[in-house]
N, C-alpha and C. Protein backbone atom coordinates (compact mmCIF):
# COMPACT_ATOMS: atom_id res chain seq x y z
N MET A 1 25.71 13.81 -3.65
CA MET A 1 25.08 12.53 -3.45
C MET A 1 25.08 12.17 -1.98
N CYS A 2 24.04 11.54 -1.52
CA CYS A 2 23.89 11.21 -0.11
C CYS A 2 24.51 9.87 0.27
N GLY A 3 25.15 9.20 -0.63
CA GLY A 3 25.63 7.87 -0.33
C GLY A 3 24.59 6.85 -0.73
N LYS A 4 24.70 5.63 -0.23
CA LYS A 4 23.76 4.58 -0.59
C LYS A 4 22.42 4.82 0.08
N THR A 5 21.36 4.83 -0.75
CA THR A 5 20.02 5.12 -0.26
C THR A 5 19.09 3.98 -0.62
N SER A 6 18.21 3.59 0.30
CA SER A 6 17.19 2.59 0.00
C SER A 6 15.82 3.16 0.32
N ILE A 7 14.82 2.73 -0.45
CA ILE A 7 13.46 3.20 -0.27
C ILE A 7 12.56 2.00 -0.02
N ASN A 8 11.73 2.08 1.02
CA ASN A 8 10.80 1.01 1.36
C ASN A 8 9.42 1.62 1.53
N CYS A 9 8.44 1.18 0.73
CA CYS A 9 7.08 1.72 0.80
C CYS A 9 6.09 0.63 1.20
N HIS A 10 5.05 1.02 1.91
CA HIS A 10 3.97 0.10 2.27
C HIS A 10 2.69 0.89 2.50
N ALA A 11 1.56 0.20 2.39
CA ALA A 11 0.27 0.84 2.63
C ALA A 11 0.01 0.88 4.12
N SER A 12 -0.47 2.00 4.61
CA SER A 12 -0.79 2.13 6.03
C SER A 12 -2.26 1.83 6.26
N ARG A 13 -2.67 1.80 7.51
CA ARG A 13 -4.07 1.49 7.85
C ARG A 13 -5.06 2.48 7.27
N ASN A 14 -4.65 3.74 7.10
CA ASN A 14 -5.58 4.75 6.60
C ASN A 14 -5.63 4.77 5.07
N GLY A 15 -4.95 3.83 4.41
CA GLY A 15 -5.01 3.73 2.97
C GLY A 15 -3.97 4.56 2.23
N LEU A 16 -3.23 5.41 2.94
CA LEU A 16 -2.18 6.20 2.31
C LEU A 16 -0.90 5.38 2.28
N ARG A 17 -0.13 5.56 1.25
CA ARG A 17 1.13 4.84 1.15
C ARG A 17 2.21 5.62 1.89
N THR A 18 2.95 4.92 2.72
CA THR A 18 4.03 5.53 3.48
C THR A 18 5.35 4.99 2.95
N CYS A 19 6.30 5.89 2.75
CA CYS A 19 7.62 5.49 2.27
C CYS A 19 8.66 5.92 3.29
N ARG A 20 9.69 5.12 3.41
CA ARG A 20 10.83 5.45 4.25
C ARG A 20 12.06 5.46 3.37
N ILE A 21 12.85 6.49 3.53
CA ILE A 21 14.10 6.59 2.80
C ILE A 21 15.23 6.48 3.82
N ALA A 22 16.10 5.51 3.64
CA ALA A 22 17.22 5.32 4.55
C ALA A 22 18.51 5.63 3.80
N SER A 23 19.30 6.49 4.38
CA SER A 23 20.57 6.86 3.77
C SER A 23 21.69 6.44 4.70
N LYS A 24 22.61 5.62 4.20
CA LYS A 24 23.73 5.17 5.03
C LYS A 24 24.64 6.32 5.42
N LYS A 25 24.77 7.32 4.55
CA LYS A 25 25.65 8.45 4.86
C LYS A 25 25.13 9.22 6.07
N HIS A 26 23.80 9.40 6.13
CA HIS A 26 23.23 10.17 7.24
C HIS A 26 22.90 9.28 8.44
N GLY A 27 22.90 7.97 8.24
CA GLY A 27 22.69 7.04 9.34
C GLY A 27 21.29 7.06 9.92
N GLY A 28 20.32 7.66 9.27
CA GLY A 28 18.98 7.71 9.82
C GLY A 28 17.93 7.43 8.77
N THR A 29 16.69 7.53 9.18
CA THR A 29 15.57 7.32 8.28
C THR A 29 14.78 8.60 8.19
N ILE A 30 14.47 9.01 6.99
CA ILE A 30 13.72 10.23 6.74
C ILE A 30 12.36 9.85 6.19
N ALA A 31 11.29 10.37 6.77
CA ALA A 31 9.94 10.04 6.29
C ALA A 31 9.72 10.69 4.93
N CYS A 32 9.22 9.91 4.01
CA CYS A 32 8.91 10.41 2.67
C CYS A 32 7.41 10.69 2.62
N ILE A 33 7.04 11.94 2.51
CA ILE A 33 5.63 12.31 2.58
C ILE A 33 5.11 12.85 1.26
N ASP A 34 5.80 12.60 0.17
CA ASP A 34 5.45 13.21 -1.10
C ASP A 34 4.00 12.94 -1.53
N GLU A 35 3.54 11.70 -1.43
CA GLU A 35 2.17 11.39 -1.84
C GLU A 35 1.15 12.10 -0.96
N GLN A 36 1.40 12.16 0.32
CA GLN A 36 0.49 12.84 1.23
C GLN A 36 0.43 14.33 0.94
N VAL A 37 1.58 14.91 0.65
CA VAL A 37 1.65 16.34 0.32
C VAL A 37 0.83 16.63 -0.94
N HIS A 38 0.92 15.75 -1.92
CA HIS A 38 0.15 15.93 -3.15
C HIS A 38 -1.35 15.80 -2.90
N LEU A 39 -1.75 14.92 -2.00
CA LEU A 39 -3.18 14.80 -1.66
C LEU A 39 -3.69 16.08 -1.02
N VAL A 40 -2.92 16.65 -0.12
CA VAL A 40 -3.30 17.91 0.53
C VAL A 40 -3.42 19.01 -0.52
N ALA A 41 -2.44 19.10 -1.41
CA ALA A 41 -2.47 20.12 -2.46
C ALA A 41 -3.67 19.93 -3.37
N LEU A 42 -3.99 18.69 -3.71
CA LEU A 42 -5.15 18.40 -4.55
C LEU A 42 -6.45 18.85 -3.87
N ALA A 43 -6.57 18.59 -2.57
CA ALA A 43 -7.75 19.03 -1.82
C ALA A 43 -7.83 20.55 -1.81
N TRP A 44 -6.71 21.23 -1.66
CA TRP A 44 -6.70 22.70 -1.66
C TRP A 44 -7.14 23.25 -3.00
N VAL A 45 -6.70 22.63 -4.09
CA VAL A 45 -7.14 23.06 -5.43
C VAL A 45 -8.65 22.83 -5.56
N GLY A 46 -9.11 21.68 -5.10
CA GLY A 46 -10.53 21.35 -5.19
C GLY A 46 -11.43 22.28 -4.40
N ARG A 47 -10.96 22.79 -3.28
CA ARG A 47 -11.81 23.69 -2.50
C ARG A 47 -11.61 25.15 -2.88
N GLY A 48 -10.69 25.41 -3.84
CA GLY A 48 -10.52 26.76 -4.36
C GLY A 48 -9.47 27.60 -3.67
N THR A 49 -8.71 27.01 -2.77
CA THR A 49 -7.64 27.75 -2.10
C THR A 49 -6.54 28.11 -3.10
N PHE A 50 -6.28 27.22 -4.05
CA PHE A 50 -5.32 27.42 -5.12
C PHE A 50 -6.00 27.08 -6.43
N SER A 51 -5.53 27.67 -7.53
CA SER A 51 -6.03 27.31 -8.86
C SER A 51 -5.23 26.11 -9.36
N ALA A 52 -5.71 25.51 -10.43
CA ALA A 52 -4.98 24.38 -11.02
C ALA A 52 -3.58 24.82 -11.46
N ASP A 53 -3.47 26.06 -11.94
CA ASP A 53 -2.17 26.58 -12.36
C ASP A 53 -1.21 26.75 -11.18
N GLU A 54 -1.73 26.82 -9.98
CA GLU A 54 -0.91 27.01 -8.78
C GLU A 54 -0.64 25.71 -8.03
N PHE A 55 -0.90 24.56 -8.68
CA PHE A 55 -0.76 23.27 -8.02
C PHE A 55 0.65 23.06 -7.46
N ASP A 56 1.68 23.38 -8.25
CA ASP A 56 3.06 23.20 -7.77
C ASP A 56 3.33 24.04 -6.53
N GLU A 57 2.79 25.25 -6.51
CA GLU A 57 2.94 26.11 -5.34
C GLU A 57 2.22 25.50 -4.13
N ALA A 58 1.03 24.94 -4.37
CA ALA A 58 0.28 24.30 -3.29
C ALA A 58 1.06 23.12 -2.72
N VAL A 59 1.71 22.36 -3.59
CA VAL A 59 2.53 21.22 -3.14
C VAL A 59 3.66 21.71 -2.24
N GLU A 60 4.34 22.76 -2.66
CA GLU A 60 5.46 23.27 -1.85
C GLU A 60 4.98 23.81 -0.50
N ILE A 61 3.86 24.50 -0.50
CA ILE A 61 3.33 25.04 0.76
C ILE A 61 2.90 23.89 1.67
N ALA A 62 2.24 22.88 1.10
CA ALA A 62 1.82 21.72 1.90
C ALA A 62 3.04 21.02 2.49
N ARG A 63 4.11 20.94 1.73
CA ARG A 63 5.33 20.29 2.21
C ARG A 63 5.95 21.07 3.37
N HIS A 64 5.96 22.40 3.25
CA HIS A 64 6.63 23.23 4.26
C HIS A 64 5.76 23.55 5.47
N GLU A 65 4.45 23.48 5.32
CA GLU A 65 3.56 23.82 6.43
C GLU A 65 2.98 22.60 7.12
N ARG A 66 3.51 21.45 6.85
CA ARG A 66 3.00 20.20 7.44
C ARG A 66 3.24 20.23 8.94
N VAL A 67 2.14 20.28 9.70
CA VAL A 67 2.23 20.33 11.15
C VAL A 67 1.54 19.11 11.77
N ASN A 68 0.30 18.87 11.39
CA ASN A 68 -0.47 17.75 11.92
C ASN A 68 -0.23 16.50 11.07
N THR A 69 -0.71 15.37 11.56
CA THR A 69 -0.64 14.19 10.71
C THR A 69 -1.55 14.42 9.52
N THR A 70 -1.11 14.00 8.37
CA THR A 70 -1.84 14.26 7.13
C THR A 70 -3.22 13.61 7.16
N SER A 71 -3.31 12.39 7.63
CA SER A 71 -4.61 11.71 7.64
C SER A 71 -5.60 12.45 8.53
N ARG A 72 -5.17 12.92 9.69
CA ARG A 72 -6.06 13.65 10.58
C ARG A 72 -6.51 14.96 9.93
N TYR A 73 -5.58 15.65 9.28
CA TYR A 73 -5.90 16.90 8.61
C TYR A 73 -6.92 16.67 7.49
N LEU A 74 -6.65 15.70 6.63
CA LEU A 74 -7.55 15.44 5.51
C LEU A 74 -8.92 14.96 5.98
N LEU A 75 -8.95 14.05 6.94
CA LEU A 75 -10.23 13.53 7.43
C LEU A 75 -11.02 14.58 8.19
N GLY A 76 -10.37 15.66 8.60
CA GLY A 76 -11.06 16.77 9.25
C GLY A 76 -11.78 17.68 8.26
N MET A 77 -11.59 17.46 6.97
CA MET A 77 -12.29 18.24 5.94
C MET A 77 -13.63 17.56 5.64
N PRO A 78 -14.74 18.17 6.04
CA PRO A 78 -16.05 17.52 5.84
C PRO A 78 -16.37 17.21 4.37
N LEU A 79 -15.85 17.97 3.45
CA LEU A 79 -16.15 17.78 2.03
C LEU A 79 -14.93 17.23 1.28
N LEU A 80 -14.11 16.45 1.94
CA LEU A 80 -12.87 15.96 1.35
C LEU A 80 -13.10 15.27 0.01
N ALA A 81 -14.05 14.35 -0.07
CA ALA A 81 -14.28 13.63 -1.33
C ALA A 81 -14.63 14.60 -2.45
N ASP A 82 -15.47 15.59 -2.15
CA ASP A 82 -15.84 16.59 -3.15
C ASP A 82 -14.62 17.41 -3.58
N TYR A 83 -13.79 17.79 -2.61
CA TYR A 83 -12.59 18.57 -2.92
C TYR A 83 -11.62 17.78 -3.81
N LEU A 84 -11.42 16.50 -3.48
CA LEU A 84 -10.51 15.68 -4.28
C LEU A 84 -11.05 15.50 -5.70
N GLU A 85 -12.33 15.25 -5.82
CA GLU A 85 -12.94 15.09 -7.14
C GLU A 85 -12.83 16.38 -7.95
N ALA A 86 -13.14 17.51 -7.32
CA ALA A 86 -13.05 18.80 -8.00
C ALA A 86 -11.61 19.11 -8.39
N GLY A 87 -10.67 18.80 -7.50
CA GLY A 87 -9.27 19.03 -7.78
C GLY A 87 -8.79 18.23 -8.99
N LEU A 88 -9.19 16.96 -9.04
CA LEU A 88 -8.83 16.14 -10.20
C LEU A 88 -9.38 16.74 -11.49
N GLU A 89 -10.64 17.13 -11.45
CA GLU A 89 -11.26 17.70 -12.65
C GLU A 89 -10.58 19.00 -13.07
N LEU A 90 -10.24 19.85 -12.10
CA LEU A 90 -9.56 21.11 -12.42
C LEU A 90 -8.17 20.88 -13.02
N LEU A 91 -7.55 19.77 -12.65
CA LEU A 91 -6.24 19.43 -13.19
C LEU A 91 -6.34 18.64 -14.50
N GLY A 92 -7.58 18.42 -14.95
CA GLY A 92 -7.78 17.72 -16.22
C GLY A 92 -7.67 16.21 -16.12
N ILE A 93 -7.91 15.67 -14.94
CA ILE A 93 -7.84 14.22 -14.72
C ILE A 93 -9.25 13.73 -14.41
N SER A 94 -9.73 12.79 -15.19
CA SER A 94 -11.07 12.27 -14.91
C SER A 94 -11.02 11.35 -13.68
N VAL A 95 -12.08 11.37 -12.91
CA VAL A 95 -12.15 10.54 -11.71
C VAL A 95 -12.06 9.07 -12.11
N GLU A 96 -12.71 8.71 -13.21
CA GLU A 96 -12.70 7.31 -13.66
C GLU A 96 -11.28 6.85 -13.99
N ASP A 97 -10.52 7.71 -14.68
CA ASP A 97 -9.13 7.37 -15.00
C ASP A 97 -8.30 7.25 -13.73
N ALA A 98 -8.51 8.13 -12.78
CA ALA A 98 -7.77 8.08 -11.52
C ALA A 98 -8.10 6.80 -10.76
N GLN A 99 -9.37 6.39 -10.77
CA GLN A 99 -9.76 5.17 -10.06
C GLN A 99 -9.18 3.93 -10.70
N ARG A 100 -8.99 3.93 -12.02
CA ARG A 100 -8.39 2.79 -12.69
C ARG A 100 -6.94 2.60 -12.27
N GLY A 101 -6.29 3.67 -11.86
CA GLY A 101 -4.88 3.57 -11.44
C GLY A 101 -4.70 3.12 -10.02
N VAL A 102 -5.79 2.92 -9.27
CA VAL A 102 -5.71 2.49 -7.88
C VAL A 102 -5.78 0.98 -7.83
N PRO A 103 -4.79 0.34 -7.19
CA PRO A 103 -4.79 -1.14 -7.11
C PRO A 103 -5.87 -1.68 -6.23
């Protein structure tokens, strides 16, 4: 156990949710990038880099290969919307259902 941990999340200017995890034992703040990593993995599935069955692997690779800011990387994909839509469909999630879950 890491000791007492608190999590604080907020929406950033680019629309992605940013979370901070603070652990008293470690005395610092660690950036929580889980949602961003999943977006990158979803885009990779949508463009065919990974299959839907390889989504968990894509998430792990996105987590470990994160070099640039996620928003800059994603916005640099000219077909990002198409990739995200295709990724959702390949994972069996309808776009309409996904949009209903967005506040």
